[in-house]
Amino acid sequence: MIVAGASFACVVMFGLWRRVSGLLALGLAGLSGAVAGAGGLLVQDDVGAASWVVTMFAFVVMTPVHARLVFGPPGPSDVAMVAAEGSAA
């Protein structure tokens, strides 16, 4: 699950970050973080409920924040939208 979460994060960040709406991009980033966090907990012994709660919260919140800081705002940029409208005219 760790590899699946990281792979999905790469697809979201490098492939979809600027192509889908901002809310969807942030949601997919949070989902990829949750999958990677769950995978990390599944390989550990004796994981309590508090570890699950804290890890899921941290990964679901911090993955989109980190992606936003590294890749910029999600969703199509204004420049791309203006260029698309200009070429259609």
C-alpha atoms as a PDB file:
ATOM      1  CA  MET A   1       0.000   0.000   0.000  1.00  0.00           C
ATOM      2  CA  ILE A   2       2.905   2.340   0.579  1.00  0.00           C
ATOM      3  CA  VAL A   3       4.058   1.921  -3.012  1.00  0.00           C
ATOM      4  CA  ALA A   4       0.492   2.237  -4.304  1.00  0.00           C
ATOM      5  CA  GLY A   5      -0.044   5.472  -2.365  1.00  0.00           C
ATOM      6  CA  ALA A   6       3.259   6.928  -3.524  1.00  0.00           C
ATOM      7  CA  SER A   7       2.604   5.893  -7.131  1.00  0.00           C
ATOM      8  CA  PHE A   8      -0.871   7.397  -7.047  1.00  0.00           C
ATOM      9  CA  ALA A   9       0.591  10.588  -5.567  1.00  0.00           C
ATOM     10  CA  CYS A  10       3.047  10.803  -8.473  1.00  0.00           C
ATOM     11  CA  VAL A  11       0.216  10.404 -10.979  1.00  0.00           C
ATOM     12  CA  VAL A  12      -1.821  13.087  -9.223  1.00  0.00           C
ATOM     13  CA  MET A  13       1.031  15.553  -8.790  1.00  0.00           C
ATOM     14  CA  PHE A  14       2.791  15.196 -12.110  1.00  0.00           C
ATOM     15  CA  GLY A  15      -0.157  14.242 -14.310  1.00  0.00           C
ATOM     16  CA  LEU A  16      -3.365  15.665 -12.906  1.00  0.00           C
ATOM     17  CA  TRP A  17      -2.414  18.605 -10.675  1.00  0.00           C
ATOM     18  CA  ARG A  18      -2.986  21.238 -13.384  1.00  0.00           C
ATOM     19  CA  ARG A  19      -5.571  19.320 -15.428  1.00  0.00           C
ATOM     20  CA  VAL A  20      -8.405  18.730 -12.950  1.00  0.00           C
ATOM     21  CA  SER A  21     -10.262  21.153 -10.717  1.00  0.00           C
ATOM     22  CA  GLY A  22      -8.463  22.408  -7.633  1.00  0.00           C
ATOM     23  CA  LEU A  23     -10.787  20.702  -5.177  1.00  0.00           C
ATOM     24  CA  LEU A  24     -10.467  17.351  -6.954  1.00  0.00           C
ATOM     25  CA  ALA A  25      -6.673  17.643  -7.093  1.00  0.00           C
ATOM     26  CA  LEU A  26      -6.480  18.369  -3.363  1.00  0.00           C
ATOM     27  CA  GLY A  27      -8.864  15.497  -2.594  1.00  0.00           C
ATOM     28  CA  LEU A  28      -6.850  13.046  -4.684  1.00  0.00           C
ATOM     29  CA  ALA A  29      -3.657  14.199  -2.989  1.00  0.00           C
ATOM     30  CA  GLY A  30      -5.251  13.604   0.411  1.00  0.00           C
ATOM     31  CA  LEU A  31      -6.405  10.163  -0.688  1.00  0.00           C
ATOM     32  CA  SER A  32      -2.917   9.217  -1.849  1.00  0.00           C
ATOM     33  CA  GLY A  33      -1.521  10.333   1.502  1.00  0.00           C
ATOM     34  CA  ALA A  34      -4.125   8.276   3.353  1.00  0.00           C
ATOM     35  CA  VAL A  35      -3.227   5.152   1.360  1.00  0.00           C
ATOM     36  CA  ALA A  36       0.491   5.621   2.002  1.00  0.00           C
ATOM     37  CA  GLY A  37      -0.127   6.283   5.707  1.00  0.00           C
ATOM     38  CA  ALA A  38      -2.331   3.208   6.053  1.00  0.00           C
ATOM     39  CA  GLY A  39       0.328   1.122   4.344  1.00  0.00           C
ATOM     40  CA  GLY A  40       2.917   2.376   6.793  1.00  0.00           C
ATOM     41  CA  LEU A  41       0.744   1.419   9.739  1.00  0.00           C
ATOM     42  CA  LEU A  42      -0.047  -2.024   8.335  1.00  0.00           C
ATOM     43  CA  VAL A  43       3.620  -3.035   8.286  1.00  0.00           C
ATOM     44  CA  GLN A  44       4.109  -2.139  11.961  1.00  0.00           C
ATOM     45  CA  ASP A  45       3.391  -4.361  14.947  1.00  0.00           C
ATOM     46  CA  ASP A  46       1.052  -3.362  17.745  1.00  0.00           C
ATOM     47  CA  VAL A  47      -0.461  -0.195  16.267  1.00  0.00           C
ATOM     48  CA  GLY A  48      -3.125   1.397  18.448  1.00  0.00           C
ATOM     49  CA  ALA A  49      -6.223   3.338  17.527  1.00  0.00           C
ATOM     50  CA  ALA A  50      -4.564   6.640  18.355  1.00  0.00           C
ATOM     51  CA  SER A  51      -1.821   5.928  15.824  1.00  0.00           C
ATOM     52  CA  TRP A  52      -4.452   5.369  13.140  1.00  0.00           C
ATOM     53  CA  VAL A  53      -6.290   8.574  13.978  1.00  0.00           C
ATOM     54  CA  VAL A  54      -3.182  10.741  14.125  1.00  0.00           C
ATOM     55  CA  THR A  55      -1.597   9.218  11.021  1.00  0.00           C
ATOM     56  CA  MET A  56      -4.731   9.467   8.885  1.00  0.00           C
ATOM     57  CA  PHE A  57      -5.335  13.059   9.955  1.00  0.00           C
ATOM     58  CA  ALA A  58      -1.717  14.069   9.392  1.00  0.00           C
ATOM     59  CA  PHE A  59      -1.362  12.402   6.000  1.00  0.00           C
ATOM     60  CA  VAL A  60      -4.761  13.524   4.678  1.00  0.00           C
ATOM     61  CA  VAL A  61      -4.064  17.129   5.681  1.00  0.00           C
ATOM     62  CA  MET A  62      -0.324  17.424   5.093  1.00  0.00           C
ATOM     63  CA  THR A  63      -0.101  15.729   1.684  1.00  0.00           C
ATOM     64  CA  PRO A  64      -2.248  18.357  -0.097  1.00  0.00           C
ATOM     65  CA  VAL A  65      -0.501  21.155   1.819  1.00  0.00           C
ATOM     66  CA  HIS A  66       2.897  19.839   0.774  1.00  0.00           C
ATOM     67  CA  ALA A  67       1.750  19.411  -2.831  1.00  0.00           C
ATOM     68  CA  ARG A  68       0.396  22.967  -2.879  1.00  0.00           C
ATOM     69  CA  LEU A  69       3.721  24.323  -1.604  1.00  0.00           C
ATOM     70  CA  VAL A  70       5.803  22.342  -4.093  1.00  0.00           C
ATOM     71  CA  PHE A  71       3.644  22.396  -7.242  1.00  0.00           C
ATOM     72  CA  GLY A  72       1.743  25.651  -6.798  1.00  0.00           C
ATOM     73  CA  PRO A  73      -2.014  26.116  -6.842  1.00  0.00           C
ATOM     74  CA  PRO A  74      -3.959  23.156  -8.240  1.00  0.00           C
ATOM     75  CA  GLY A  75      -6.288  23.329 -11.198  1.00  0.00           C
ATOM     76  CA  PRO A  76      -5.936  25.005 -14.555  1.00  0.00           C
ATOM     77  CA  SER A  77      -4.068  28.290 -14.396  1.00  0.00           C
ATOM     78  CA  ASP A  78      -5.613  31.544 -15.572  1.00  0.00           C
ATOM     79  CA  VAL A  79      -3.000  31.806 -18.319  1.00  0.00           C
ATOM     80  CA  ALA A  80      -3.974  28.421 -19.723  1.00  0.00           C
ATOM     81  CA  MET A  81      -7.664  29.331 -19.613  1.00  0.00           C
ATOM     82  CA  VAL A  82      -7.073  32.661 -21.403  1.00  0.00           C
ATOM     83  CA  ALA A  83      -4.920  30.936 -24.013  1.00  0.00           C
ATOM     84  CA  ALA A  84      -7.603  28.316 -24.609  1.00  0.00           C
ATOM     85  CA  GLU A  85     -10.294  30.982 -24.974  1.00  0.00           C
ATOM     86  CA  GLY A  86      -8.099  33.013 -27.325  1.00  0.00           C
ATOM     87  CA  SER A  87      -7.363  30.081 -29.601  1.00  0.00           C
ATOM     88  CA  ALA A  88     -11.048  29.191 -29.866  1.00  0.00           C
ATOM     89  CA  ALA A  89     -11.942  32.631 -31.236  1.00  0.00           C
END
